């Protein structure tokens, strides 16, 4: 069985400073990202963003793009 994909968000320009490109990371703060799926679905499921397809929520989720 495969390990689930994981994702984590960084503030702009913060990822490199925090070692985003390292081979290994601490497990804290990472979100499961089911495959098939997409980034938006994983963030909604984790409660990090509101549903971008409801009303005008896409405006508050524009940072993802």
Protein backbone atom coordinates (compact mmCIF):
# COMPACT_ATOMS: atom_id res chain seq x y z
CA UNK A 1 0.00 0.00 0.00
CA UNK A 2 1.23 3.48 -0.81
CA UNK A 3 1.67 6.25 1.73
CA UNK A 4 -0.82 9.10 1.24
CA UNK A 5 0.52 12.23 -0.39
CA UNK A 6 0.98 15.16 2.00
CA UNK A 7 1.00 18.91 1.58
CA UNK A 8 1.83 21.94 3.68
CA UNK A 9 1.42 25.62 2.98
CA UNK A 10 3.99 28.35 3.51
CA UNK A 11 3.63 32.10 3.50
CA UNK A 12 5.07 33.75 0.37
CA UNK A 13 8.87 33.40 0.28
CA UNK A 14 8.84 31.40 3.53
CA UNK A 15 9.18 27.90 2.01
CA UNK A 16 12.82 28.11 0.96
CA UNK A 17 13.85 29.59 4.31
CA UNK A 18 12.09 26.71 6.12
CA UNK A 19 13.66 24.00 3.95
CA UNK A 20 10.72 23.16 1.67
CA UNK A 21 13.07 21.40 -0.74
CA UNK A 22 14.57 19.06 1.88
CA UNK A 23 14.23 15.29 1.37
CA UNK A 24 12.75 14.74 4.85
CA UNK A 25 10.37 16.82 6.98
CA UNK A 26 8.83 16.62 10.44
CA UNK A 27 5.29 15.22 10.29
CA UNK A 28 3.65 18.10 12.19
CA UNK A 29 1.47 20.45 10.16
CA UNK A 30 1.19 18.31 7.02
CA UNK A 31 -2.23 17.62 5.48
CA UNK A 32 -3.25 14.37 3.77
CA UNK A 33 -3.82 14.93 0.05
CA UNK A 34 -5.78 12.01 -1.45
CA UNK A 35 -4.92 10.97 -4.99
CA UNK A 36 -6.83 11.31 -7.21
CA UNK A 37 -7.87 14.67 -5.91
CA UNK A 38 -6.68 18.23 -5.93
CA UNK A 39 -5.12 20.79 -3.66
CA UNK A 40 -8.37 22.68 -3.08
CA UNK A 41 -10.25 19.54 -1.97
CA UNK A 42 -7.49 18.62 0.48
CA UNK A 43 -7.42 22.13 1.99
CA UNK A 44 -11.24 22.23 2.31
CA UNK A 45 -11.24 18.81 4.02
CA UNK A 46 -8.56 20.01 6.45
CA UNK A 47 -10.57 23.15 7.26
CA UNK A 48 -7.82 25.45 5.92
CA UNK A 49 -10.00 27.15 3.28
CA UNK A 50 -13.70 27.59 2.57
CA UNK A 51 -15.22 25.83 -0.43
CA UNK A 52 -13.90 27.89 -3.37
CA UNK A 53 -16.92 26.94 -5.47
CA UNK A 54 -19.43 28.48 -3.02
CA UNK A 55 -20.51 32.08 -3.48
CA UNK A 56 -17.42 34.34 -3.79
CA UNK A 57 -15.02 32.20 -1.76
CA UNK A 58 -12.71 31.89 -4.74
CA UNK A 59 -11.49 35.40 -3.95
CA UNK A 60 -10.19 34.31 -0.53
CA UNK A 61 -8.52 31.24 -2.08
CA UNK A 62 -6.68 33.10 -4.85
CA UNK A 63 -3.38 32.85 -2.94
CA UNK A 64 -3.25 29.14 -3.82
CA UNK A 65 -2.90 29.86 -7.51
